[in-house]
PDB file of N, CA and C in Angstrom:
ATOM      1  N   UNK A   1     127.682 137.994 197.965  1.00  0.00           N
ATOM      2  CA  UNK A   1     128.332 137.294 196.963  1.00  0.00           C
ATOM      3  C   UNK A   1     127.718 137.291 195.545  1.00  0.00           C
ATOM      4  N   UNK A   2     128.532 137.419 194.713  1.00  0.00           N
ATOM      5  CA  UNK A   2     127.351 137.876 193.075  1.00  0.00           C
ATOM      6  C   UNK A   2     127.502 136.448 192.781  1.00  0.00           C
ATOM      7  N   UNK A   3     126.089 136.163 191.980  1.00  0.00           N
ATOM      8  CA  UNK A   3     125.656 134.993 191.867  1.00  0.00           C
ATOM      9  C   UNK A   3     126.000 134.976 190.225  1.00  0.00           C
ATOM     10  N   UNK A   4     125.821 133.720 189.486  1.00  0.00           N
ATOM     11  CA  UNK A   4     126.174 133.330 188.248  1.00  0.00           C
ATOM     12  C   UNK A   4     124.904 133.272 187.863  1.00  0.00           C
ATOM     13  N   UNK A   5     124.196 133.955 186.561  1.00  0.00           N
ATOM     14  CA  UNK A   5     123.253 133.405 185.655  1.00  0.00           C
ATOM     15  C   UNK A   5     123.502 131.517 185.285  1.00  0.00           C
ATOM     16  N   UNK A   6     122.693 131.027 185.918  1.00  0.00           N
ATOM     17  CA  UNK A   6     122.541 129.538 185.535  1.00  0.00           C
ATOM     18  C   UNK A   6     122.156 128.814 184.525  1.00  0.00           C
ATOM     19  N   UNK A   7     120.966 129.524 183.998  1.00  0.00           N
ATOM     20  CA  UNK A   7     119.667 128.639 183.275  1.00  0.00           C
ATOM     21  C   UNK A   7     119.106 129.960 183.040  1.00  0.00           C
ATOM     22  N   UNK A   8     118.294 130.132 181.658  1.00  0.00           N
ATOM     23  CA  UNK A   8     117.292 131.039 181.239  1.00  0.00           C
ATOM     24  C   UNK A   8     116.627 130.026 181.268  1.00  0.00           C
ATOM     25  N   UNK A   9     114.770 130.633 181.421  1.00  0.00           N
ATOM     26  CA  UNK A   9     113.741 129.815 180.697  1.00  0.00           C
ATOM     27  C   UNK A   9     112.781 130.961 180.071  1.00  0.00           C
ATOM     28  N   UNK A  10     112.204 130.585 179.255  1.00  0.00           N
ATOM     29  CA  UNK A  10     111.458 131.239 178.653  1.00  0.00           C
ATOM     30  C   UNK A  10     109.591 130.702 178.767  1.00  0.00           C
ATOM     31  N   UNK A  11     108.676 131.436 179.541  1.00  0.00           N
ATOM     32  CA  UNK A  11     107.760 131.200 179.777  1.00  0.00           C
ATOM     33  C   UNK A  11     106.490 132.458 179.410  1.00  0.00           C
ATOM     34  N   UNK A  12     105.447 131.952 179.371  1.00  0.00           N
ATOM     35  CA  UNK A  12     104.213 133.018 179.444  1.00  0.00           C
ATOM     36  C   UNK A  12     104.049 133.712 180.093  1.00  0.00           C
ATOM     37  N   UNK A  13     103.528 135.106 179.970  1.00  0.00           N
ATOM     38  CA  UNK A  13     103.285 135.745 180.994  1.00  0.00           C
ATOM     39  C   UNK A  13     101.641 135.232 181.308  1.00  0.00           C
ATOM     40  N   UNK A  14     100.654 134.495 181.419  1.00  0.00           N
ATOM     41  CA  UNK A  14      99.671 134.033 181.992  1.00  0.00           C
ATOM     42  C   UNK A  14     100.379 132.662 182.796  1.00  0.00           C
ATOM     43  N   UNK A  15     101.524 131.745 182.524  1.00  0.00           N
ATOM     44  CA  UNK A  15     101.662 130.934 183.139  1.00  0.00           C
ATOM     45  C   UNK A  15     103.031 131.879 184.374  1.00  0.00           C
ATOM     46  N   UNK A  16     103.680 132.814 184.022  1.00  0.00           N
ATOM     47  CA  UNK A  16     104.311 133.405 185.360  1.00  0.00           C
ATOM     48  C   UNK A  16     103.509 133.900 186.192  1.00  0.00           C
ATOM     49  N   UNK A  17     102.170 134.705 185.381  1.00  0.00           N
ATOM     50  CA  UNK A  17     101.044 135.343 186.686  1.00  0.00           C
ATOM     51  C   UNK A  17     100.770 134.044 187.769  1.00  0.00           C
ATOM     52  N   UNK A  18     100.359 133.165 186.900  1.00  0.00           N
ATOM     53  CA  UNK A  18     100.045 132.013 187.674  1.00  0.00           C
ATOM     54  C   UNK A  18     100.914 131.495 188.876  1.00  0.00           C
ATOM     55  N   UNK A  19     101.877 131.363 188.512  1.00  0.00           N
ATOM     56  CA  UNK A  19     102.905 130.496 189.478  1.00  0.00           C
ATOM     57  C   UNK A  19     104.054 131.955 189.636  1.00  0.00           C
ATOM     58  N   UNK A  20     103.725 133.115 189.598  1.00  0.00           N
ATOM     59  CA  UNK A  20     104.513 134.285 190.075  1.00  0.00           C
ATOM     60  C   UNK A  20     105.403 133.957 191.436  1.00  0.00           C
ATOM     61  N   UNK A  21     105.252 133.857 192.319  1.00  0.00           N
ATOM     62  CA  UNK A  21     105.936 133.355 193.888  1.00  0.00           C
ATOM     63  C   UNK A  21     106.960 131.976 193.211  1.00  0.00           C
ATOM     64  N   UNK A  22     106.629 131.135 192.465  1.00  0.00           N
ATOM     65  CA  UNK A  22     107.607 129.981 192.476  1.00  0.00           C
ATOM     66  C   UNK A  22     108.646 130.357 191.320  1.00  0.00           C
ATOM     67  N   UNK A  23     108.172 131.034 190.480  1.00  0.00           N
ATOM     68  CA  UNK A  23     109.349 131.732 189.603  1.00  0.00           C
ATOM     69  C   UNK A  23     110.806 132.904 189.953  1.00  0.00           C
ATOM     70  N   UNK A  24     109.887 133.676 191.263  1.00  0.00           N
ATOM     71  CA  UNK A  24     110.603 134.848 192.132  1.00  0.00           C
ATOM     72  C   UNK A  24     111.560 133.573 192.767  1.00  0.00           C
ATOM     73  N   UNK A  25     111.094 132.461 193.576  1.00  0.00           N
ATOM     74  CA  UNK A  25     111.665 131.658 194.277  1.00  0.00           C
ATOM     75  C   UNK A  25     113.375 131.055 193.431  1.00  0.00           C
ATOM     76  N   UNK A  26     112.833 130.527 192.646  1.00  0.00           N
ATOM     77  CA  UNK A  26     113.664 130.389 191.682  1.00  0.00           C
ATOM     78  C   UNK A  26     114.988 131.065 190.760  1.00  0.00           C
ATOM     79  N   UNK A  27     114.542 132.635 190.667  1.00  0.00           N
ATOM     80  CA  UNK A  27     115.049 133.757 190.283  1.00  0.00           C
ATOM     81  C   UNK A  27     116.061 133.995 191.790  1.00  0.00           C
ATOM     82  N   UNK A  28     115.456 134.314 192.864  1.00  0.00           N
ATOM     83  CA  UNK A  28     116.133 134.276 193.734  1.00  0.00           C
ATOM     84  C   UNK A  28     117.359 133.547 194.607  1.00  0.00           C
ATOM     85  N   UNK A  29     116.863 131.760 194.103  1.00  0.00           N
ATOM     86  CA  UNK A  29     117.706 130.694 194.941  1.00  0.00           C
ATOM     87  C   UNK A  29     118.806 130.261 194.029  1.00  0.00           C
ATOM     88  N   UNK A  30     118.115 130.044 192.510  1.00  0.00           N
ATOM     89  CA  UNK A  30     118.809 129.136 191.799  1.00  0.00           C
ATOM     90  C   UNK A  30     119.606 130.478 190.308  1.00  0.00           C
ATOM     91  N   UNK A  31     119.524 131.922 191.011  1.00  0.00           N
ATOM     92  CA  UNK A  31     120.172 133.008 189.749  1.00  0.00           C
ATOM     93  C   UNK A  31     119.408 132.621 188.369  1.00  0.00           C
ATOM     94  N   UNK A  32     117.955 131.805 188.109  1.00  0.00           N
ATOM     95  CA  UNK A  32     117.568 131.456 186.874  1.00  0.00           C
ATOM     96  C   UNK A  32     117.202 132.942 186.190  1.00  0.00           C
ATOM     97  N   UNK A  33     117.258 133.035 185.219  1.00  0.00           N
ATOM     98  CA  UNK A  33     116.611 133.864 184.171  1.00  0.00           C
ATOM     99  C   UNK A  33     115.370 134.101 183.491  1.00  0.00           C
ATOM    100  N   UNK A  34     114.187 134.540 183.744  1.00  0.00           N
ATOM    101  CA  UNK A  34     113.129 134.063 183.098  1.00  0.00           C
ATOM    102  C   UNK A  34     112.003 135.295 181.917  1.00  0.00           C
ATOM    103  N   UNK A  35     112.419 134.617 180.941  1.00  0.00           N
ATOM    104  CA  UNK A  35     112.020 135.593 179.949  1.00  0.00           C
ATOM    105  C   UNK A  35     110.683 135.501 179.900  1.00  0.00           C
ATOM    106  N   UNK A  36     109.738 136.126 179.785  1.00  0.00           N
ATOM    107  CA  UNK A  36     108.393 136.510 180.109  1.00  0.00           C
ATOM    108  C   UNK A  36     108.050 136.637 178.281  1.00  0.00           C
ATOM    109  N   UNK A  37     106.965 135.952 178.040  1.00  0.00           N
ATOM    110  CA  UNK A  37     106.443 136.360 176.538  1.00  0.00           C
ATOM    111  C   UNK A  37     105.069 136.673 176.646  1.00  0.00           C
ATOM    112  N   UNK A  38     104.661 137.747 175.811  1.00  0.00           N
ATOM    113  CA  UNK A  38     103.310 137.899 175.916  1.00  0.00           C
ATOM    114  C   UNK A  38     103.066 137.969 173.989  1.00  0.00           C
ATOM    115  N   UNK A  39     101.727 137.040 173.925  1.00  0.00           N
ATOM    116  CA  UNK A  39     101.780 136.964 172.975  1.00  0.00           C
ATOM    117  C   UNK A  39     102.939 135.908 171.638  1.00  0.00           C
ATOM    118  N   UNK A  40     103.720 135.195 172.361  1.00  0.00           N
ATOM    119  CA  UNK A  40     104.625 134.953 172.112  1.00  0.00           C
ATOM    120  C   UNK A  40     106.352 135.145 171.532  1.00  0.00           C
ATOM    121  N   UNK A  41     105.925 136.530 172.115  1.00  0.00           N
ATOM    122  CA  UNK A  41     107.175 137.773 172.127  1.00  0.00           C
ATOM    123  C   UNK A  41     107.798 137.939 173.285  1.00  0.00           C
ATOM    124  N   UNK A  42     109.209 137.556 173.312  1.00  0.00           N
ATOM    125  CA  UNK A  42     109.468 138.795 174.689  1.00  0.00           C
ATOM    126  C   UNK A  42     109.072 139.922 175.084  1.00  0.00           C
ATOM    127  N   UNK A  43     108.587 139.775 176.342  1.00  0.00           N
ATOM    128  CA  UNK A  43     108.261 140.931 177.140  1.00  0.00           C
ATOM    129  C   UNK A  43     108.536 141.768 177.888  1.00  0.00           C
ATOM    130  N   UNK A  44     109.851 140.733 178.729  1.00  0.00           N
ATOM    131  CA  UNK A  44     110.394 141.170 180.156  1.00  0.00           C
ATOM    132  C   UNK A  44     110.943 140.028 180.626  1.00  0.00           C
ATOM    133  N   UNK A  45     112.129 140.349 181.548  1.00  0.00           N
ATOM    134  CA  UNK A  45     112.773 139.593 181.981  1.00  0.00           C
ATOM    135  C   UNK A  45     113.025 139.622 183.419  1.00  0.00           C
ATOM    136  N   UNK A  46     112.889 138.459 184.093  1.00  0.00           N
ATOM    137  CA  UNK A  46     112.939 138.292 185.787  1.00  0.00           C
ATOM    138  C   UNK A  46     114.208 138.028 186.089  1.00  0.00           C
ATOM    139  N   UNK A  47     114.860 138.764 186.835  1.00  0.00           N
ATOM    140  CA  UNK A  47     116.599 138.683 187.163  1.00  0.00           C
ATOM    141  C   UNK A  47     116.650 138.720 188.635  1.00  0.00           C
ATOM    142  N   UNK A  48     117.781 138.211 189.251  1.00  0.00           N
ATOM    143  CA  UNK A  48     117.743 138.346 190.730  1.00  0.00           C
ATOM    144  C   UNK A  48     118.567 139.878 190.742  1.00  0.00           C
ATOM    145  N   UNK A  49     118.110 140.350 191.452  1.00  0.00           N
ATOM    146  CA  UNK A  49     118.800 142.055 191.984  1.00  0.00           C
ATOM    147  C   UNK A  49     120.579 141.820 192.178  1.00  0.00           C
ATOM    148  N   UNK A  50     121.418 140.431 192.537  1.00  0.00           N
ATOM    149  CA  UNK A  50     122.660 140.512 192.493  1.00  0.00           C
ATOM    150  C   UNK A  50     123.191 140.391 190.727  1.00  0.00           C
ATOM    151  N   UNK A  51     122.399 139.478 189.923  1.00  0.00           N
ATOM    152  CA  UNK A  51     122.706 139.297 189.191  1.00  0.00           C
ATOM    153  C   UNK A  51     122.408 140.600 188.312  1.00  0.00           C
ATOM    154  N   UNK A  52     121.617 141.109 188.773  1.00  0.00           N
ATOM    155  CA  UNK A  52     121.359 142.657 187.592  1.00  0.00           C
ATOM    156  C   UNK A  52     122.696 143.737 188.049  1.00  0.00           C
ATOM    157  N   UNK A  53     122.549 143.420 189.507  1.00  0.00           N
ATOM    158  CA  UNK A  53     123.937 144.511 189.740  1.00  0.00           C
ATOM    159  C   UNK A  53     125.879 143.970 188.726  1.00  0.00           C
ATOM    160  N   UNK A  54     125.641 143.026 189.015  1.00  0.00           N
ATOM    161  CA  UNK A  54     126.543 142.229 188.290  1.00  0.00           C
ATOM    162  C   UNK A  54     126.937 142.327 186.817  1.00  0.00           C
ATOM    163  N   UNK A  55     125.557 142.908 186.343  1.00  0.00           N
ATOM    164  CA  UNK A  55     125.562 143.057 184.427  1.00  0.00           C
ATOM    165  C   UNK A  55     126.189 144.375 184.637  1.00  0.00           C
ATOM    166  N   UNK A  56     125.021 145.279 185.358  1.00  0.00           N
ATOM    167  CA  UNK A  56     125.753 146.283 185.127  1.00  0.00           C
ATOM    168  C   UNK A  56     126.775 147.284 185.339  1.00  0.00           C
ATOM    169  N   UNK A  57     127.931 146.175 186.541  1.00  0.00           N
ATOM    170  CA  UNK A  57     129.158 146.313 186.709  1.00  0.00           C
ATOM    171  C   UNK A  57     129.989 146.379 185.880  1.00  0.00           C
ATOM    172  N   UNK A  58     129.863 144.977 184.996  1.00  0.00           N
ATOM    173  CA  UNK A  58     129.773 144.585 183.589  1.00  0.00           C
ATOM    174  C   UNK A  58     129.668 145.650 182.374  1.00  0.00           C
ATOM    175  N   UNK A  59     129.040 145.843 182.687  1.00  0.00           N
ATOM    176  CA  UNK A  59     128.891 146.951 181.496  1.00  0.00           C
ATOM    177  C   UNK A  59     129.747 148.484 181.965  1.00  0.00           C
ATOM    178  N   UNK A  60     129.306 149.223 182.890  1.00  0.00           N
ATOM    179  CA  UNK A  60     130.359 149.895 183.434  1.00  0.00           C
ATOM    180  C   UNK A  60     131.535 149.527 183.013  1.00  0.00           C
ATOM    181  N   UNK A  61     132.307 149.053 183.235  1.00  0.00           N
ATOM    182  CA  UNK A  61     134.025 148.397 183.265  1.00  0.00           C
ATOM    183  C   UNK A  61     133.801 148.538 181.433  1.00  0.00           C
ATOM    184  N   UNK A  62     132.969 147.677 180.656  1.00  0.00           N
ATOM    185  CA  UNK A  62     133.651 147.570 179.467  1.00  0.00           C
ATOM    186  C   UNK A  62     133.488 148.791 179.097  1.00  0.00           C
ATOM    187  N   UNK A  63     132.609 149.878 179.442  1.00  0.00           N
ATOM    188  CA  UNK A  63     132.796 151.529 179.107  1.00  0.00           C
ATOM    189  C   UNK A  63     133.872 151.891 179.308  1.00  0.00           C
ATOM    190  N   UNK A  64     134.465 151.707 180.494  1.00  0.00           N
ATOM    191  CA  UNK A  64     136.053 152.162 180.786  1.00  0.00           C
ATOM    192  C   UNK A  64     137.212 151.919 180.382  1.00  0.00           C
ATOM    193  N   UNK A  65     137.228 152.728 178.686  1.00  0.00           N
ATOM    194  CA  UNK A  65     138.516 151.874 178.466  1.00  0.00           C
ATOM    195  C   UNK A  65     139.899 152.145 179.074  1.00  0.00           C
ATOM    196  N   UNK A  66     139.707 152.634 180.217  1.00  0.00           N
ATOM    197  CA  UNK A  66     141.259 152.649 181.146  1.00  0.00           C
ATOM    198  C   UNK A  66     141.446 151.162 181.365  1.00  0.00           C
ATOM    199  N   UNK A  67     140.510 150.963 182.315  1.00  0.00           N
ATOM    200  CA  UNK A  67     140.173 149.767 182.746  1.00  0.00           C
ATOM    201  C   UNK A  67     140.486 148.416 181.967  1.00  0.00           C
ATOM    202  N   UNK A  68     139.784 148.828 180.641  1.00  0.00           N
ATOM    203  CA  UNK A  68     140.108 147.765 179.660  1.00  0.00           C
ATOM    204  C   UNK A  68     141.321 147.446 179.301  1.00  0.00           C
ATOM    205  N   UNK A  69     142.444 148.752 179.057  1.00  0.00           N
ATOM    206  CA  UNK A  69     143.575 148.579 178.428  1.00  0.00           C
ATOM    207  C   UNK A  69     143.975 148.190 180.117  1.00  0.00           C
ATOM    208  N   UNK A  70     143.672 148.296 180.982  1.00  0.00           N
ATOM    209  CA  UNK A  70     144.936 147.652 182.101  1.00  0.00           C
ATOM    210  C   UNK A  70     144.579 146.185 182.312  1.00  0.00           C
ATOM    211  N   UNK A  71     143.242 145.706 182.009  1.00  0.00           N
ATOM    212  CA  UNK A  71     142.753 144.501 181.806  1.00  0.00           C
ATOM    213  C   UNK A  71     143.734 143.406 180.541  1.00  0.00           C
ATOM    214  N   UNK A  72     143.773 144.243 179.390  1.00  0.00           N
ATOM    215  CA  UNK A  72     144.358 143.739 178.316  1.00  0.00           C
ATOM    216  C   UNK A  72     146.027 143.472 178.880  1.00  0.00           C
ATOM    217  N   UNK A  73     146.892 144.579 179.681  1.00  0.00           N
ATOM    218  CA  UNK A  73     148.085 144.745 179.787  1.00  0.00           C
ATOM    219  C   UNK A  73     148.027 143.465 180.679  1.00  0.00           C
ATOM    220  N   UNK A  74     147.279 142.951 181.596  1.00  0.00           N
ATOM    221  CA  UNK A  74     147.274 142.554 182.923  1.00  0.00           C
ATOM    222  C   UNK A  74     147.324 140.984 182.193  1.00  0.00           C
ATOM    223  N   UNK A  75     146.110 140.641 181.589  1.00  0.00           N
ATOM    224  CA  UNK A  75     146.265 139.514 180.357  1.00  0.00           C
ATOM    225  C   UNK A  75     147.872 138.960 180.000  1.00  0.00           C
ATOM    226  N   UNK A  76     148.422 140.216 179.172  1.00  0.00           N
ATOM    227  CA  UNK A  76     149.293 139.984 178.646  1.00  0.00           C
ATOM    228  C   UNK A  76     150.523 139.855 179.419  1.00  0.00           C
ATOM    229  N   UNK A  77     150.522 140.387 180.940  1.00  0.00           N
ATOM    230  CA  UNK A  77     151.488 140.050 181.511  1.00  0.00           C
ATOM    231  C   UNK A  77     151.433 138.825 182.251  1.00  0.00           C
ATOM    232  N   UNK A  78     150.426 138.014 182.426  1.00  0.00           N
ATOM    233  CA  UNK A  78     150.132 136.632 182.901  1.00  0.00           C
ATOM    234  C   UNK A  78     150.582 135.836 181.436  1.00  0.00           C
ATOM    235  N   UNK A  79     150.165 136.053 180.699  1.00  0.00           N
ATOM    236  CA  UNK A  79     150.905 135.017 179.298  1.00  0.00           C
ATOM    237  C   UNK A  79     151.763 134.912 179.276  1.00  0.00           C
ATOM    238  N   UNK A  80     152.568 136.109 179.266  1.00  0.00           N
ATOM    239  CA  UNK A  80     153.992 135.982 179.476  1.00  0.00           C
ATOM    240  C   UNK A  80     154.901 135.761 180.369  1.00  0.00           C
ATOM    241  N   UNK A  81     154.197 135.373 181.687  1.00  0.00           N
ATOM    242  CA  UNK A  81     155.003 135.026 182.875  1.00  0.00           C
ATOM    243  C   UNK A  81     155.173 135.935 183.639  1.00  0.00           C
ATOM    244  N   UNK A  82     154.831 137.187 183.918  1.00  0.00           N
ATOM    245  CA  UNK A  82     155.302 137.952 184.372  1.00  0.00           C
ATOM    246  C   UNK A  82     154.352 138.471 185.554  1.00  0.00           C
ATOM    247  N   UNK A  83     154.528 137.768 186.319  1.00  0.00           N
ATOM    248  CA  UNK A  83     153.373 137.365 187.403  1.00  0.00           C
ATOM    249  C   UNK A  83     154.274 137.564 188.788  1.00  0.00           C
ATOM    250  N   UNK A  84     153.863 137.431 189.842  1.00  0.00           N
ATOM    251  CA  UNK A  84     154.437 137.752 191.499  1.00  0.00           C
ATOM    252  C   UNK A  84     153.238 136.748 192.046  1.00  0.00           C
ATOM    253  N   UNK A  85     153.719 136.085 192.118  1.00  0.00           N
ATOM    254  CA  UNK A  85     153.068 134.590 193.317  1.00  0.00           C
ATOM    255  C   UNK A  85     152.498 135.214 194.464  1.00  0.00           C
ATOM    256  N   UNK A  86     151.659 134.340 195.462  1.00  0.00           N
ATOM    257  CA  UNK A  86     151.195 134.983 196.380  1.00  0.00           C
ATOM    258  C   UNK A  86     152.603 135.020 197.883  1.00  0.00           C
ATOM    259  N   UNK A  87     153.038 133.807 197.478  1.00  0.00           N
ATOM    260  CA  UNK A  87     154.187 133.826 198.730  1.00  0.00           C
ATOM    261  C   UNK A  87     155.239 134.809 198.388  1.00  0.00           C
ATOM    262  N   UNK A  88     155.704 134.863 197.353  1.00  0.00           N
ATOM    263  CA  UNK A  88     156.586 135.706 196.722  1.00  0.00           C
ATOM    264  C   UNK A  88     155.846 137.513 197.048  1.00  0.00           C
ATOM    265  N   UNK A  89     155.005 137.361 196.842  1.00  0.00           N
ATOM    266  CA  UNK A  89     154.339 138.943 197.245  1.00  0.00           C
ATOM    267  C   UNK A  89     154.398 139.411 198.455  1.00  0.00           C
ATOM    268  N   UNK A  90     154.134 138.592 199.213  1.00  0.00           N
ATOM    269  CA  UNK A  90     153.951 138.689 201.020  1.00  0.00           C
ATOM    270  C   UNK A  90     155.444 138.658 201.018  1.00  0.00           C
ATOM    271  N   UNK A  91     156.381 137.938 200.938  1.00  0.00           N
ATOM    272  CA  UNK A  91     157.603 138.369 201.347  1.00  0.00           C
ATOM    273  C   UNK A  91     158.242 139.725 200.914  1.00  0.00           C
ATOM    274  N   UNK A  92     157.798 140.016 199.776  1.00  0.00           N
ATOM    275  CA  UNK A  92     158.213 141.350 199.509  1.00  0.00           C
ATOM    276  C   UNK A  92     157.805 142.410 200.248  1.00  0.00           C
ATOM    277  N   UNK A  93     156.331 142.330 200.671  1.00  0.00           N
ATOM    278  CA  UNK A  93     156.009 143.218 201.433  1.00  0.00           C
ATOM    279  C   UNK A  93     156.565 143.316 203.074  1.00  0.00           C
ATOM    280  N   UNK A  94     156.971 142.301 203.085  1.00  0.00           N
ATOM    281  CA  UNK A  94     157.811 142.401 204.743  1.00  0.00           C
ATOM    282  C   UNK A  94     159.218 142.283 204.674  1.00  0.00           C
ATOM    283  N   UNK A  95     159.708 142.321 203.770  1.00  0.00           N
ATOM    284  CA  UNK A  95     161.274 142.549 203.648  1.00  0.00           C
ATOM    285  C   UNK A  95     161.511 143.980 203.886  1.00  0.00           C
ATOM    286  N   UNK A  96     162.712 144.332 204.463  1.00  0.00           N
ATOM    287  CA  UNK A  96     162.966 145.843 204.750  1.00  0.00           C
ATOM    288  C   UNK A  96     162.971 146.309 203.750  1.00  0.00           C
ATOM    289  N   UNK A  97     163.291 147.964 204.098  1.00  0.00           N
ATOM    290  CA  UNK A  97     163.013 149.115 202.802  1.00  0.00           C
ATOM    291  C   UNK A  97     164.584 148.792 202.218  1.00  0.00           C
ATOM    292  N   UNK A  98     164.644 148.560 201.089  1.00  0.00           N
ATOM    293  CA  UNK A  98     166.226 149.020 200.391  1.00  0.00           C
ATOM    294  C   UNK A  98     166.682 150.391 200.038  1.00  0.00           C
ATOM    295  N   UNK A  99     167.886 150.654 200.535  1.00  0.00           N
ATOM    296  CA  UNK A  99     168.422 152.287 200.555  1.00  0.00           C
ATOM    297  C   UNK A  99     169.366 152.362 198.939  1.00  0.00           C
TER     298      UNK A  99
END
């Protein structure tokens, strides 16, 4: 199951090094994103593998113009009420073919 990035924390490299296991547990368990700073500037980010996969999939989807077009068309269809409800879809699949 994909996680959701719930919170973002910024902390110094020194503090992250001193409590690394704790930070990894938070990233893994709570899907927290940790921005690690060096000399007050962001230098790295700790993120769970599931969250990274999800972000990469999103970027891939956003780069797929055909997929974006289909999403826009689907959203327009939903907004216009042009949808088939779950029960209706199952009934139409079970119905004998028409000739």
